[in-house]
C-alpha atoms as a PDB file:
ATOM      1  CA  MET A   1       4.259  12.809   4.476  1.00  0.00           C
ATOM      2  CA  PRO A   2       3.147  15.372   2.438  1.00  0.00           C
ATOM      3  CA  ILE A   3       0.247  14.436  -0.163  1.00  0.00           C
ATOM      4  CA  ARG A   4       1.547  12.559  -3.219  1.00  0.00           C
ATOM      5  CA  ARG A   5      -1.110  11.688  -6.094  1.00  0.00           C
ATOM      6  CA  ILE A   6      -1.575  10.863  -9.576  1.00  0.00           C
ATOM      7  CA  THR A   7      -4.759  11.830 -11.659  1.00  0.00           C
ATOM      8  CA  GLY A   8      -5.681  11.445 -14.979  1.00  0.00           C
ATOM      9  CA  PRO A   9      -5.726  10.611 -18.257  1.00  0.00           C
ATOM     10  CA  TYR A  10      -6.142  14.152 -19.366  1.00  0.00           C
ATOM     11  CA  ALA A  11      -6.154  13.765 -23.435  1.00  0.00           C
ATOM     12  CA  GLY A  12      -3.805  10.487 -22.601  1.00  0.00           C
ATOM     13  CA  HIS A  13      -1.601  12.395 -19.963  1.00  0.00           C
ATOM     14  CA  TYR A  14      -1.307  11.656 -16.456  1.00  0.00           C
ATOM     15  CA  VAL A  15      -0.246  14.361 -13.794  1.00  0.00           C
ATOM     16  CA  ALA A  16       2.039  13.216 -10.461  1.00  0.00           C
ATOM     17  CA  ALA A  17       1.767  15.849  -8.044  1.00  0.00           C
ATOM     18  CA  ARG A  18       2.882  16.378  -4.769  1.00  0.00           C
ATOM     19  CA  ALA A  19       2.964  19.213  -1.863  1.00  0.00           C
ATOM     20  CA  GLU A  20       6.420  20.393  -0.133  1.00  0.00           C
ATOM     21  CA  TYR A  21       6.216  22.443   2.805  1.00  0.00           C
ATOM     22  CA  ARG A  22       8.596  25.784   2.309  1.00  0.00           C
ATOM     23  CA  HIS A  23       9.145  29.012   3.594  1.00  0.00           C
ATOM     24  CA  GLY A  24       6.002  28.899   5.800  1.00  0.00           C
ATOM     25  CA  GLY A  25       3.185  27.663   3.289  1.00  0.00           C
ATOM     26  CA  TRP A  26       2.804  24.764   1.186  1.00  0.00           C
ATOM     27  CA  GLN A  27       3.966  24.958  -2.569  1.00  0.00           C
ATOM     28  CA  GLY A  28       2.690  22.193  -5.228  1.00  0.00           C
ATOM     29  CA  PHE A  29       4.738  20.440  -7.763  1.00  0.00           C
ATOM     30  CA  ALA A  30       3.637  18.184 -10.609  1.00  0.00           C
ATOM     31  CA  LYS A  31       5.307  16.321 -13.456  1.00  0.00           C
ATOM     32  CA  VAL A  32       3.070  15.567 -16.638  1.00  0.00           C
ATOM     33  CA  PHE A  33       4.018  12.035 -18.293  1.00  0.00           C
ATOM     34  CA  ASP A  34       2.598  10.605 -21.201  1.00  0.00           C
ATOM     35  CA  TYR A  35       2.123   6.794 -19.433  1.00  0.00           C
ATOM     36  CA  ARG A  36       0.703   6.278 -15.798  1.00  0.00           C
ATOM     37  CA  PRO A  37       3.484   6.346 -13.298  1.00  0.00           C
ATOM     38  CA  VAL A  38       4.261   4.014 -10.766  1.00  0.00           C
ATOM     39  CA  ALA A  39       2.145   5.029  -7.472  1.00  0.00           C
ATOM     40  CA  GLY A  40       4.417   5.811  -4.816  1.00  0.00           C
ATOM     41  CA  ALA A  41       7.590   6.346  -7.330  1.00  0.00           C
ATOM     42  CA  ASP A  42       9.839   8.920  -6.809  1.00  0.00           C
ATOM     43  CA  PHE A  43       8.052  11.167  -9.789  1.00  0.00           C
ATOM     44  CA  ASP A  44      11.367  13.575  -9.283  1.00  0.00           C
ATOM     45  CA  THR A  45      13.338  10.476 -11.012  1.00  0.00           C
ATOM     46  CA  ALA A  46      10.649   8.733 -12.829  1.00  0.00           C
ATOM     47  CA  PRO A  47      11.849   8.821 -16.622  1.00  0.00           C
ATOM     48  CA  GLY A  48       9.953  10.369 -19.450  1.00  0.00           C
ATOM     49  CA  ALA A  49       8.739  13.253 -18.113  1.00  0.00           C
ATOM     50  CA  VAL A  50       6.748  15.840 -20.708  1.00  0.00           C
ATOM     51  CA  ALA A  51       6.874  18.936 -18.039  1.00  0.00           C
ATOM     52  CA  ASP A  52       7.432  19.710 -14.708  1.00  0.00           C
ATOM     53  CA  VAL A  53       5.715  22.450 -13.749  1.00  0.00           C
ATOM     54  CA  VAL A  54       4.699  24.752 -10.370  1.00  0.00           C
ATOM     55  CA  GLY A  55       1.407  25.356  -8.724  1.00  0.00           C
ATOM     56  CA  SER A  56       0.579  28.859  -8.752  1.00  0.00           C
ATOM     57  CA  TRP A  57       0.547  29.409  -5.290  1.00  0.00           C
ATOM     58  CA  VAL A  58       3.947  30.234  -3.551  1.00  0.00           C
ATOM     59  CA  GLU A  59       2.427  29.671   0.013  1.00  0.00           C
ATOM     60  CA  ALA A  60      -0.738  27.729  -0.217  1.00  0.00           C
ATOM     61  CA  PRO A  61      -2.608  27.463   2.932  1.00  0.00           C
ATOM     62  CA  SER A  62      -2.641  23.541   2.771  1.00  0.00           C
ATOM     63  CA  GLU A  63      -0.823  20.913   1.350  1.00  0.00           C
ATOM     64  CA  LEU A  64      -4.189  20.006  -0.562  1.00  0.00           C
ATOM     65  CA  ASP A  65      -4.444  23.506  -2.091  1.00  0.00           C
ATOM     66  CA  ALA A  66      -0.854  23.451  -3.059  1.00  0.00           C
ATOM     67  CA  VAL A  67      -1.504  19.991  -4.878  1.00  0.00           C
ATOM     68  CA  GLN A  68      -4.505  21.095  -6.622  1.00  0.00           C
ATOM     69  CA  SER A  69      -2.822  24.521  -7.904  1.00  0.00           C
ATOM     70  CA  ALA A  70       0.054  22.493  -9.401  1.00  0.00           C
ATOM     71  CA  GLU A  71      -2.757  19.693 -11.233  1.00  0.00           C
ATOM     72  CA  ARG A  72      -4.465  23.131 -12.887  1.00  0.00           C
ATOM     73  CA  VAL A  73      -1.110  24.255 -14.062  1.00  0.00           C
ATOM     74  CA  ALA A  74      -0.474  20.755 -15.211  1.00  0.00           C
ATOM     75  CA  ARG A  75      -3.923  20.395 -16.867  1.00  0.00           C
ATOM     76  CA  ASN A  76      -3.815  23.725 -18.417  1.00  0.00           C
ATOM     77  CA  PHE A  77      -0.592  22.621 -19.545  1.00  0.00           C
ATOM     78  CA  ILE A  78      -1.903  19.446 -21.313  1.00  0.00           C
ATOM     79  CA  ALA A  79      -4.683  22.008 -23.070  1.00  0.00           C
ATOM     80  CA  GLN A  80      -2.135  23.901 -24.958  1.00  0.00           C
ATOM     81  CA  LEU A  81      -0.142  20.798 -25.762  1.00  0.00           C
ATOM     82  CA  THR A  82      -3.831  19.575 -27.318  1.00  0.00           C
ATOM     83  CA  GLU A  83      -4.544  22.891 -28.916  1.00  0.00           C
ATOM     84  CA  ASP A  84      -0.913  23.121 -30.483  1.00  0.00           C
ATOM     85  CA  ASP A  85      -1.872  19.870 -32.010  1.00  0.00           C
ATOM     86  CA  ALA A  86      -4.860  20.494 -33.703  1.00  0.00           C
END
């Protein structure tokens, strides 16, 4: 089973990230929530996501790289949200 993890809080938001094997490499996907989703839940169907993001690497060399990439994109999104609120 590919890596899935929840990190946060980052400015009151949580990131649920996962890796998926595609086209000969790993792709990271993440959702940003304003609550901590249940570990092991299907993040694709969890209610209340603030945003869906994709990692910056189309073909990451490993699952961990893919998840970390998606988490970075999600944290950048959260940082932009907090700047916009200021």
